[in-house]
N, C-alpha and C. Protein backbone atom coordinates (compact mmCIF):
# COMPACT_ATOMS: atom_id res chain seq x y z
N MET A 1 5.05 -136.97 -11.96
CA MET A 1 5.89 -137.01 -13.18
C MET A 1 7.28 -137.34 -12.46
N THR A 2 7.61 -138.38 -13.03
CA THR A 2 8.91 -138.94 -13.03
C THR A 2 9.93 -138.23 -13.70
N ARG A 3 11.22 -138.64 -13.10
CA ARG A 3 12.30 -137.94 -13.76
C ARG A 3 12.64 -138.59 -15.30
N ASN A 4 12.08 -139.55 -15.72
CA ASN A 4 12.32 -140.28 -17.31
C ASN A 4 11.17 -139.24 -18.06
N GLU A 5 9.96 -139.13 -17.44
CA GLU A 5 9.24 -138.44 -18.21
C GLU A 5 9.18 -136.81 -18.55
N PHE A 6 10.18 -136.66 -17.11
CA PHE A 6 10.55 -135.14 -17.39
C PHE A 6 11.31 -135.18 -18.52
N GLU A 7 12.23 -135.87 -18.36
CA GLU A 7 13.74 -135.72 -19.68
C GLU A 7 13.15 -136.11 -20.84
N SER A 8 12.04 -137.04 -20.95
CA SER A 8 11.60 -137.36 -22.64
C SER A 8 10.82 -136.20 -23.04
N ASN A 9 10.10 -135.40 -22.15
CA ASN A 9 9.18 -134.42 -22.53
C ASN A 9 9.99 -133.20 -22.96
N LEU A 10 11.69 -133.11 -22.59
CA LEU A 10 12.24 -132.06 -22.84
C LEU A 10 13.26 -132.18 -24.32
N GLN A 11 13.26 -134.01 -24.22
CA GLN A 11 14.00 -134.38 -25.52
C GLN A 11 13.46 -134.28 -26.96
N SER A 12 11.97 -133.77 -26.50
CA SER A 12 11.05 -133.79 -27.81
C SER A 12 11.56 -132.52 -28.41
N LEU A 13 12.23 -131.60 -27.98
CA LEU A 13 12.89 -130.83 -28.63
C LEU A 13 13.74 -131.04 -29.67
N VAL A 14 14.16 -131.92 -29.67
CA VAL A 14 15.34 -132.33 -30.62
C VAL A 14 14.87 -132.74 -31.60
N GLY A 15 15.67 -131.99 -32.83
CA GLY A 15 15.10 -132.16 -34.34
C GLY A 15 14.23 -130.85 -34.62
N GLU A 16 13.67 -129.92 -33.43
CA GLU A 16 13.14 -128.70 -34.03
C GLU A 16 14.15 -127.84 -34.34
N ARG A 17 13.29 -126.86 -35.30
CA ARG A 17 13.95 -125.50 -35.44
C ARG A 17 13.58 -124.40 -34.80
N ILE A 18 14.24 -123.36 -34.30
CA ILE A 18 13.92 -122.35 -33.57
C ILE A 18 13.46 -121.22 -34.71
N LYS A 19 12.35 -120.54 -34.52
CA LYS A 19 11.55 -119.72 -35.51
C LYS A 19 12.01 -118.29 -34.77
N ALA A 20 11.36 -118.27 -33.66
CA ALA A 20 11.40 -117.20 -32.59
C ALA A 20 11.61 -117.64 -31.32
N ILE A 21 11.71 -116.47 -30.44
CA ILE A 21 12.22 -116.47 -29.02
C ILE A 21 11.29 -115.31 -28.60
N GLN A 22 10.39 -115.67 -27.44
CA GLN A 22 9.54 -114.62 -26.76
C GLN A 22 9.86 -114.82 -24.97
N TYR A 23 10.24 -113.71 -24.90
CA TYR A 23 10.46 -113.21 -23.43
C TYR A 23 9.31 -112.91 -22.56
N TYR A 24 9.23 -113.30 -21.63
CA TYR A 24 7.83 -112.59 -20.60
C TYR A 24 8.51 -112.36 -19.40
N GLU A 25 7.93 -110.86 -18.97
CA GLU A 25 8.35 -110.29 -17.77
C GLU A 25 7.23 -109.57 -17.36
N VAL A 26 7.48 -109.37 -15.91
CA VAL A 26 6.50 -108.34 -15.19
C VAL A 26 6.49 -107.35 -15.83
N GLU A 27 4.99 -106.69 -16.04
CA GLU A 27 4.83 -105.22 -16.67
C GLU A 27 4.93 -104.25 -15.32
N TYR A 28 6.34 -103.62 -15.27
CA TYR A 28 6.65 -102.69 -14.15
C TYR A 28 6.12 -101.50 -14.86
N GLU A 29 5.45 -100.57 -13.49
CA GLU A 29 4.80 -99.32 -13.46
C GLU A 29 5.41 -98.47 -14.36
N ASN A 30 6.92 -98.35 -14.16
CA ASN A 30 7.89 -97.45 -14.54
C ASN A 30 8.30 -97.86 -16.19
N GLY A 31 7.60 -98.70 -16.60
CA GLY A 31 7.99 -99.34 -17.95
C GLY A 31 9.34 -99.74 -18.05
N GLU A 32 10.14 -100.03 -17.15
CA GLU A 32 11.61 -100.38 -17.41
C GLU A 32 11.69 -101.74 -17.60
N VAL A 33 12.51 -102.02 -18.54
CA VAL A 33 12.74 -103.32 -19.14
C VAL A 33 13.90 -103.66 -18.51
N LEU A 34 14.01 -104.97 -17.98
CA LEU A 34 15.10 -105.37 -16.81
C LEU A 34 15.82 -106.58 -17.55
N TRP A 35 15.30 -107.04 -18.51
CA TRP A 35 16.07 -108.64 -19.03
C TRP A 35 17.42 -108.62 -19.44
N ASN A 36 17.68 -107.42 -19.88
CA ASN A 36 19.29 -107.53 -20.75
C ASN A 36 19.88 -106.39 -19.91
N TYR A 37 19.67 -106.46 -18.54
CA TYR A 37 20.77 -105.38 -17.74
C TYR A 37 22.39 -105.79 -17.75
N ASP A 38 22.51 -107.03 -17.69
CA ASP A 38 24.15 -107.25 -18.05
C ASP A 38 24.05 -108.11 -19.01
N PRO A 39 25.39 -107.76 -19.97
CA PRO A 39 25.82 -108.24 -21.16
C PRO A 39 26.31 -109.86 -20.89
N ARG A 40 26.41 -110.43 -19.95
CA ARG A 40 26.65 -111.57 -19.58
C ARG A 40 25.47 -112.63 -19.68
N PHE A 41 24.33 -112.19 -19.51
CA PHE A 41 22.83 -113.21 -19.48
C PHE A 41 21.80 -112.32 -19.85
N ASP A 42 20.58 -112.65 -20.12
CA ASP A 42 19.45 -112.29 -20.09
C ASP A 42 18.69 -112.97 -18.95
N SER A 43 18.01 -111.91 -18.12
CA SER A 43 17.11 -112.45 -16.61
C SER A 43 16.14 -111.99 -17.02
N LEU A 44 14.92 -113.01 -16.67
CA LEU A 44 13.49 -113.05 -17.00
C LEU A 44 12.72 -113.23 -15.41
N ASP A 45 12.04 -112.28 -15.35
CA ASP A 45 11.43 -112.80 -14.20
C ASP A 45 10.02 -113.50 -13.98
N TYR A 46 9.95 -113.90 -15.34
CA TYR A 46 8.92 -115.06 -15.57
C TYR A 46 9.35 -116.24 -16.24
N GLY A 47 9.47 -115.94 -17.86
CA GLY A 47 10.02 -117.16 -18.76
C GLY A 47 9.97 -116.74 -20.17
N LEU A 48 10.32 -117.66 -20.95
CA LEU A 48 10.25 -117.83 -22.42
C LEU A 48 9.50 -118.66 -22.77
N ASP A 49 9.20 -118.52 -24.23
CA ASP A 49 8.68 -119.19 -25.33
C ASP A 49 10.06 -119.35 -26.68
N LEU A 50 9.85 -120.83 -26.60
CA LEU A 50 10.50 -121.40 -27.78
C LEU A 50 9.69 -121.47 -28.71
N VAL A 51 9.30 -120.84 -29.88
CA VAL A 51 8.79 -121.15 -31.04
C VAL A 51 9.38 -121.66 -32.24
N MET A 52 8.84 -122.84 -32.58
CA MET A 52 9.46 -123.74 -33.37
C MET A 52 9.08 -123.45 -35.10
N GLU A 53 9.64 -123.88 -36.10
CA GLU A 53 9.25 -123.50 -37.48
C GLU A 53 8.42 -124.50 -37.73
N SER A 54 8.04 -125.73 -36.87
CA SER A 54 6.88 -126.47 -36.71
C SER A 54 5.40 -126.10 -36.67
N GLY A 55 5.76 -125.11 -36.14
CA GLY A 55 4.43 -124.41 -35.06
C GLY A 55 4.35 -124.82 -33.70
N LEU A 56 5.09 -125.70 -33.38
CA LEU A 56 5.01 -125.99 -31.83
C LEU A 56 6.04 -124.84 -31.17
N THR A 57 5.00 -124.31 -30.03
CA THR A 57 5.31 -123.63 -29.05
C THR A 57 5.46 -124.16 -27.79
N LYS A 58 6.95 -124.16 -26.98
CA LYS A 58 7.24 -124.29 -25.73
C LYS A 58 7.54 -123.43 -24.97
N GLY A 59 7.04 -123.22 -23.72
CA GLY A 59 7.45 -122.66 -22.39
C GLY A 59 8.47 -123.04 -21.71
N ILE A 60 9.70 -122.25 -21.56
CA ILE A 60 10.19 -122.51 -20.21
C ILE A 60 10.13 -121.54 -19.10
N ILE A 61 10.04 -121.95 -17.96
CA ILE A 61 9.54 -121.24 -17.00
C ILE A 61 10.20 -122.13 -15.87
N TRP A 62 10.05 -121.68 -14.30
CA TRP A 62 10.12 -121.99 -13.09
C TRP A 62 9.24 -122.95 -12.93
N GLY A 63 9.16 -124.07 -12.29
CA GLY A 63 7.83 -125.06 -11.97
C GLY A 63 8.30 -125.56 -10.66
N SER A 64 7.23 -126.62 -10.54
CA SER A 64 7.27 -127.47 -8.88
C SER A 64 6.89 -128.89 -9.39
N GLU A 65 7.60 -129.46 -10.46
CA GLU A 65 7.34 -131.14 -10.64
C GLU A 65 7.95 -131.73 -9.68
N PHE A 66 9.11 -131.54 -9.07
CA PHE A 66 9.83 -132.26 -8.18
C PHE A 66 10.18 -131.49 -6.94
N CYS A 67 10.27 -129.85 -6.74
CA CYS A 67 10.10 -128.98 -6.11
C CYS A 67 10.12 -127.69 -6.56
N GLN A 68 9.63 -126.82 -5.51
CA GLN A 68 9.35 -125.48 -6.27
C GLN A 68 10.59 -124.82 -6.73
N TYR A 69 10.65 -123.92 -7.62
CA TYR A 69 11.35 -123.42 -8.32
C TYR A 69 12.44 -124.22 -9.22
N GLY A 70 12.18 -125.49 -9.88
CA GLY A 70 13.32 -125.89 -10.44
C GLY A 70 12.51 -125.38 -11.90
N ILE A 71 13.54 -125.58 -12.95
CA ILE A 71 13.42 -125.54 -14.44
C ILE A 71 12.29 -126.41 -14.77
N SER A 72 11.53 -125.70 -15.80
CA SER A 72 10.04 -126.54 -16.38
C SER A 72 9.85 -125.95 -17.77
N MET A 73 9.30 -127.09 -18.38
CA MET A 73 8.59 -126.70 -19.69
C MET A 73 7.36 -127.19 -19.65
N VAL A 74 6.51 -126.11 -20.37
CA VAL A 74 5.39 -126.54 -20.44
C VAL A 74 5.04 -126.15 -21.80
N SER A 75 3.73 -127.30 -22.35
CA SER A 75 3.39 -127.46 -23.88
C SER A 75 2.81 -126.48 -24.54
N GLN A 76 2.72 -125.24 -24.16
CA GLN A 76 2.13 -124.02 -24.82
C GLN A 76 2.82 -122.67 -24.47
N SER A 77 2.21 -121.52 -25.39
CA SER A 77 2.89 -120.49 -24.91
C SER A 77 2.49 -120.14 -23.44
N LEU A 78 3.66 -119.28 -22.79
CA LEU A 78 3.30 -119.02 -21.25
C LEU A 78 2.25 -117.52 -21.43
N SER A 79 2.21 -116.98 -22.74
CA SER A 79 1.21 -115.88 -23.01
C SER A 79 -0.30 -116.29 -22.24
N LEU A 80 -0.40 -117.98 -22.24
CA LEU A 80 -1.80 -118.39 -21.79
C LEU A 80 -2.01 -118.23 -20.55
N GLU A 81 -0.48 -118.09 -20.03
CA GLU A 81 -0.58 -118.29 -18.26
C GLU A 81 -0.55 -117.07 -17.62
N LEU A 82 0.30 -116.03 -18.26
CA LEU A 82 0.90 -114.71 -17.64
C LEU A 82 -0.32 -113.66 -17.74
N ARG A 83 -0.72 -112.82 -16.49
CA ARG A 83 -1.54 -112.07 -16.45
C ARG A 83 -0.44 -111.17 -15.84
N GLY A 84 -1.03 -109.81 -16.42
CA GLY A 84 -0.26 -108.36 -16.04
C GLY A 84 1.16 -108.33 -16.54
N GLY A 85 1.58 -108.97 -17.25
CA GLY A 85 2.88 -109.08 -17.72
C GLY A 85 3.26 -108.39 -19.12
N ARG A 86 4.18 -108.78 -19.73
CA ARG A 86 4.42 -108.18 -21.27
C ARG A 86 5.53 -109.46 -21.93
N LYS A 87 5.07 -109.27 -23.16
CA LYS A 87 5.70 -110.53 -24.11
C LYS A 87 6.64 -109.55 -24.81
N ILE A 88 8.16 -109.81 -25.13
CA ILE A 88 9.24 -109.02 -25.69
C ILE A 88 9.64 -110.11 -26.58
N ASP A 89 9.48 -109.75 -28.25
CA ASP A 89 10.02 -110.35 -29.06
C ASP A 89 11.60 -110.22 -29.41
N VAL A 90 12.36 -111.26 -28.86
CA VAL A 90 13.79 -110.86 -28.69
C VAL A 90 14.35 -111.88 -30.00
N SER A 91 13.91 -112.33 -30.84
CA SER A 91 14.31 -113.27 -31.93
C SER A 91 15.54 -112.46 -32.66
N ASN A 92 15.49 -111.17 -32.77
CA ASN A 92 16.39 -110.72 -33.45
C ASN A 92 17.52 -109.67 -32.58
N THR A 93 17.46 -110.18 -31.54
CA THR A 93 18.39 -109.49 -30.69
C THR A 93 19.95 -110.02 -30.89
N SER A 94 21.00 -109.58 -30.68
CA SER A 94 22.42 -109.81 -30.77
C SER A 94 22.54 -111.20 -29.98
N ARG A 95 22.10 -111.59 -28.99
CA ARG A 95 22.24 -112.94 -28.49
C ARG A 95 21.51 -114.11 -29.30
N TRP A 96 20.45 -113.82 -29.57
CA TRP A 96 19.38 -114.97 -30.04
C TRP A 96 19.44 -114.86 -31.78
N LYS A 97 19.97 -113.81 -32.63
CA LYS A 97 19.65 -113.82 -33.72
C LYS A 97 20.40 -115.24 -34.28
N ASP A 98 21.86 -115.37 -33.85
CA ASP A 98 22.64 -116.48 -34.47
C ASP A 98 22.19 -117.66 -34.46
N ILE A 99 20.93 -117.85 -33.12
CA ILE A 99 20.56 -119.31 -32.85
C ILE A 99 19.21 -119.45 -33.83
N ILE A 100 18.38 -118.26 -34.15
CA ILE A 100 17.24 -118.49 -35.10
C ILE A 100 17.52 -119.46 -36.46
N GLY A 101 16.65 -120.23 -36.54
CA GLY A 101 16.70 -121.26 -37.68
C GLY A 101 17.70 -122.40 -37.54
N ARG A 102 18.36 -122.63 -36.39
CA ARG A 102 19.20 -123.70 -36.40
C ARG A 102 18.57 -124.87 -35.81
N GLU A 103 18.94 -126.06 -35.93
CA GLU A 103 18.42 -127.03 -35.12
C GLU A 103 18.47 -127.39 -33.64
N ILE A 104 17.71 -127.97 -32.89
CA ILE A 104 18.21 -128.20 -31.54
C ILE A 104 18.71 -129.63 -31.70
N GLU A 105 20.05 -129.91 -31.75
CA GLU A 105 20.80 -131.41 -31.64
C GLU A 105 20.73 -132.46 -30.28
N ASN A 106 20.77 -131.35 -29.27
CA ASN A 106 20.90 -132.02 -27.88
C ASN A 106 19.84 -131.15 -26.66
N VAL A 107 19.73 -131.86 -26.14
CA VAL A 107 18.85 -131.41 -24.77
C VAL A 107 19.91 -131.90 -23.64
N LYS A 108 20.34 -131.53 -22.91
CA LYS A 108 20.58 -131.56 -21.40
C LYS A 108 20.05 -131.25 -20.45
N ILE A 109 19.72 -132.02 -19.11
CA ILE A 109 19.33 -131.23 -17.59
C ILE A 109 20.00 -131.63 -17.09
N ILE A 110 20.50 -130.71 -15.89
CA ILE A 110 21.49 -130.63 -15.22
C ILE A 110 20.41 -130.66 -13.73
N TRP A 111 20.88 -131.84 -13.21
CA TRP A 111 19.76 -132.11 -11.81
C TRP A 111 20.62 -131.48 -10.74
N SER A 112 19.87 -130.80 -9.76
CA SER A 112 20.36 -130.62 -8.43
C SER A 112 19.40 -131.39 -7.56
N TRP A 113 19.95 -131.04 -6.20
CA TRP A 113 19.26 -131.52 -4.92
C TRP A 113 19.07 -130.82 -3.56
N GLU A 114 18.29 -131.16 -3.06
CA GLU A 114 17.72 -130.18 -1.96
C GLU A 114 17.55 -131.11 -0.53
N LYS A 115 17.84 -130.82 0.49
CA LYS A 115 17.23 -131.79 1.55
C LYS A 115 15.75 -131.44 1.98
N GLU A 116 14.50 -132.37 2.50
CA GLU A 116 13.61 -132.20 2.76
C GLU A 116 13.80 -131.75 4.30
N VAL A 117 12.47 -130.78 4.69
CA VAL A 117 12.36 -130.31 5.82
C VAL A 117 12.00 -131.49 6.77
N GLY A 118 12.57 -131.54 7.97
CA GLY A 118 11.82 -132.64 8.92
C GLY A 118 13.25 -133.44 9.61
N LEU A 119 12.86 -134.35 10.68
CA LEU A 119 13.61 -135.22 10.94
C LEU A 119 14.68 -136.13 10.26
N PHE A 120 13.97 -136.75 9.36
CA PHE A 120 14.40 -137.58 8.43
C PHE A 120 14.67 -137.12 7.16
N LYS A 121 15.64 -136.54 6.94
CA LYS A 121 15.51 -135.69 5.67
C LYS A 121 16.32 -136.35 4.24
N LYS A 122 15.41 -136.53 3.33
CA LYS A 122 15.99 -137.10 2.14
C LYS A 122 16.10 -136.09 1.27
N LYS A 123 17.26 -136.32 -0.08
CA LYS A 123 17.44 -135.42 -0.92
C LYS A 123 16.10 -135.46 -1.71
N ILE A 124 16.07 -134.47 -2.17
CA ILE A 124 15.02 -134.31 -3.51
C ILE A 124 15.75 -133.93 -4.92
N TYR A 125 15.85 -134.80 -5.48
CA TYR A 125 16.44 -134.10 -6.74
C TYR A 125 15.41 -133.44 -8.13
N TYR A 126 15.80 -132.24 -8.24
CA TYR A 126 14.90 -131.53 -9.09
C TYR A 126 15.97 -131.05 -10.29
N PRO A 127 15.27 -130.80 -11.66
CA PRO A 127 15.81 -129.92 -12.86
C PRO A 127 16.31 -128.45 -12.41
N GLN A 128 17.55 -128.01 -12.06
CA GLN A 128 17.90 -126.86 -12.11
C GLN A 128 18.32 -126.24 -13.33
N ASP A 129 18.81 -126.62 -14.43
CA ASP A 129 19.49 -126.13 -15.51
C ASP A 129 19.61 -126.70 -16.75
N LEU A 130 19.24 -126.27 -17.91
CA LEU A 130 18.91 -126.83 -18.92
C LEU A 130 20.04 -126.41 -20.39
N ILE A 131 20.49 -127.34 -20.77
CA ILE A 131 21.32 -126.66 -22.09
C ILE A 131 20.80 -127.29 -23.16
N LEU A 132 20.75 -126.31 -24.35
CA LEU A 132 20.14 -126.68 -25.43
C LEU A 132 21.42 -126.43 -26.33
N THR A 133 21.75 -127.67 -27.08
CA THR A 133 22.77 -127.27 -28.14
C THR A 133 22.03 -127.49 -29.50
N PHE A 134 22.51 -126.22 -30.18
CA PHE A 134 22.10 -126.54 -31.56
C PHE A 134 23.21 -126.75 -32.64
N SER A 135 22.78 -126.70 -33.96
CA SER A 135 23.69 -127.10 -35.17
C SER A 135 24.71 -125.74 -35.10
N GLY A 136 25.91 -126.16 -35.88
CA GLY A 136 26.70 -125.13 -35.75
C GLY A 136 27.54 -125.11 -34.52
N GLU A 137 27.52 -125.69 -33.40
CA GLU A 137 28.10 -125.97 -31.91
C GLU A 137 27.84 -124.99 -31.34
N LYS A 138 26.65 -124.25 -31.50
CA LYS A 138 26.07 -122.90 -30.69
C LYS A 138 25.27 -123.98 -29.28
N SER A 139 25.30 -123.24 -28.43
CA SER A 139 24.64 -123.43 -27.15
C SER A 139 24.03 -122.43 -26.44
N VAL A 140 23.12 -123.01 -25.94
CA VAL A 140 22.40 -121.75 -24.86
C VAL A 140 21.96 -122.63 -23.43
N PHE A 141 22.22 -121.79 -22.57
CA PHE A 141 22.60 -122.47 -21.03
C PHE A 141 21.12 -121.47 -20.28
N ILE A 142 20.11 -122.42 -19.89
CA ILE A 142 19.04 -121.72 -19.16
C ILE A 142 19.10 -122.30 -17.84
N SER A 143 18.83 -121.61 -16.61
CA SER A 143 18.95 -121.79 -15.22
C SER A 143 17.64 -121.38 -14.85
N ALA A 144 17.18 -121.89 -13.58
CA ALA A 144 16.18 -121.15 -12.40
C ALA A 144 16.72 -120.75 -11.59
N MET A 145 17.53 -119.48 -11.80
CA MET A 145 18.29 -118.72 -10.89
C MET A 145 18.11 -117.38 -11.21
N GLU A 146 18.55 -116.81 -10.13
CA GLU A 146 18.68 -115.48 -10.13
C GLU A 146 20.23 -114.59 -9.80
N ILE A 147 20.24 -113.58 -10.43
CA ILE A 147 21.89 -112.96 -10.17
C ILE A 147 21.25 -111.68 -9.86
N ARG A 148 21.85 -111.15 -8.69
CA ARG A 148 21.78 -109.85 -8.05
C ARG A 148 22.86 -109.53 -7.58
N GLU A 149 23.54 -108.04 -8.20
CA GLU A 149 24.56 -107.48 -7.42
C GLU A 149 25.53 -108.33 -6.83
N GLY A 150 26.07 -109.24 -7.75
CA GLY A 150 27.33 -110.08 -7.48
C GLY A 150 27.20 -111.55 -6.80
N SER A 151 25.66 -111.95 -6.36
CA SER A 151 25.31 -112.98 -5.58
C SER A 151 24.58 -113.55 -7.03
N HIS A 152 24.39 -115.05 -6.54
CA HIS A 152 23.32 -115.63 -7.18
C HIS A 152 22.61 -116.96 -6.24
N PHE A 153 21.58 -117.30 -6.89
CA PHE A 153 20.81 -118.39 -6.14
C PHE A 153 20.14 -119.37 -7.03
N GLY A 154 20.20 -120.26 -7.08
CA GLY A 154 18.98 -121.11 -7.52
C GLY A 154 17.96 -121.30 -6.86
N MET A 155 16.69 -122.27 -7.57
CA MET A 155 15.60 -122.11 -7.16
C MET A 155 14.81 -120.95 -7.02
N ALA A 156 14.89 -120.01 -7.79
CA ALA A 156 14.47 -118.79 -8.26
C ALA A 156 13.14 -118.63 -9.08
N ASP A 157 12.10 -117.75 -8.74
CA ASP A 157 11.46 -117.47 -9.66
C ASP A 157 11.74 -116.75 -10.37
N ASN A 158 12.85 -117.11 -11.61
CA ASN A 158 13.35 -115.98 -12.44
C ASN A 158 14.11 -117.23 -13.41
N ILE A 159 14.17 -116.93 -14.64
CA ILE A 159 14.66 -117.50 -15.70
C ILE A 159 16.06 -116.95 -15.97
N THR A 160 17.20 -117.25 -15.85
CA THR A 160 18.36 -116.68 -16.44
C THR A 160 19.13 -117.60 -17.87
N VAL A 161 19.44 -116.82 -18.86
CA VAL A 161 19.83 -117.23 -19.92
C VAL A 161 21.28 -116.82 -20.55
N PHE A 162 21.92 -117.89 -20.63
CA PHE A 162 23.48 -117.44 -21.05
C PHE A 162 23.80 -117.76 -22.26
N PHE A 163 24.67 -117.40 -22.87
CA PHE A 163 24.92 -117.47 -24.57
C PHE A 163 26.42 -118.09 -24.66
N ASN A 164 26.75 -117.99 -23.58
CA ASN A 164 28.37 -118.16 -23.79
C ASN A 164 28.96 -119.50 -22.69
N LYS A 165 29.27 -120.37 -23.02
CA LYS A 165 29.93 -121.08 -21.95
C LYS A 165 30.57 -120.95 -20.50
N ASN A 166 31.81 -120.04 -21.22
CA ASN A 166 32.26 -119.49 -20.03
C ASN A 166 31.56 -118.60 -19.07
N ASP A 167 30.80 -117.82 -19.59
CA ASP A 167 29.88 -116.71 -18.66
C ASP A 167 28.98 -118.13 -17.69
N ALA A 168 28.45 -118.66 -18.24
CA ALA A 168 27.63 -119.98 -17.73
C ALA A 168 28.23 -120.60 -16.41
N GLU A 169 29.49 -120.77 -16.61
CA GLU A 169 30.16 -121.70 -15.85
C GLU A 169 30.62 -121.21 -14.66
N LYS A 170 30.33 -119.67 -14.36
CA LYS A 170 30.50 -118.98 -13.34
C LYS A 170 29.57 -119.06 -12.29
N PHE A 171 28.21 -119.43 -13.08
CA PHE A 171 27.04 -119.55 -12.13
C PHE A 171 26.56 -121.07 -12.08
N ILE A 172 26.68 -121.75 -13.33
CA ILE A 172 26.18 -123.31 -13.36
C ILE A 172 27.01 -124.29 -12.99
N GLU A 173 26.85 -125.31 -12.09
CA GLU A 173 27.90 -126.58 -11.86
C GLU A 173 27.19 -127.29 -12.80
N PHE A 174 28.38 -127.56 -13.89
CA PHE A 174 28.12 -128.55 -15.11
C PHE A 174 28.75 -129.78 -14.24
N LYS A 175 27.93 -131.14 -14.53
CA LYS A 175 28.24 -132.36 -14.12
C LYS A 175 28.37 -133.23 -15.12
N ALA A 176 29.51 -133.99 -15.06
CA ALA A 176 29.54 -135.29 -16.42
C ALA A 176 28.51 -135.92 -16.65
């Protein structure tokens, strides 16, 4: 997949209206729910589905189109891929309820890079973050990142969702 193909795929979200949001996480033995442990963000150890009013469903997950653990979008529900996990409808949570029914007006991908291993190391560019802008000037910031006890790292098998630009800016480097 090329960078243009990847961006075109994500741009297909523009004009869609969100009907529901489904989170996916590992089903822990103790039944503990971890996605909402911090009021600044939602942290998913698997991914999420954007369910559209048109009937379309797109999964946001960490992928490997360019390198392992960049952000990725699949053209189906993640429920078809996840084994041993659980689905949680978060459409009516305080973080998503103001987004439901809004039209996606813009999709921005933030590209990062890493160096290859070996003698002649070249940069590999990959999609690290995704910003969805909705009607009414609402934005959601999604990153293939994990935040633990004051530290954070990208290229993770985790999806983090921010609903406030000030909180997102503490972890995501926005490029003009």
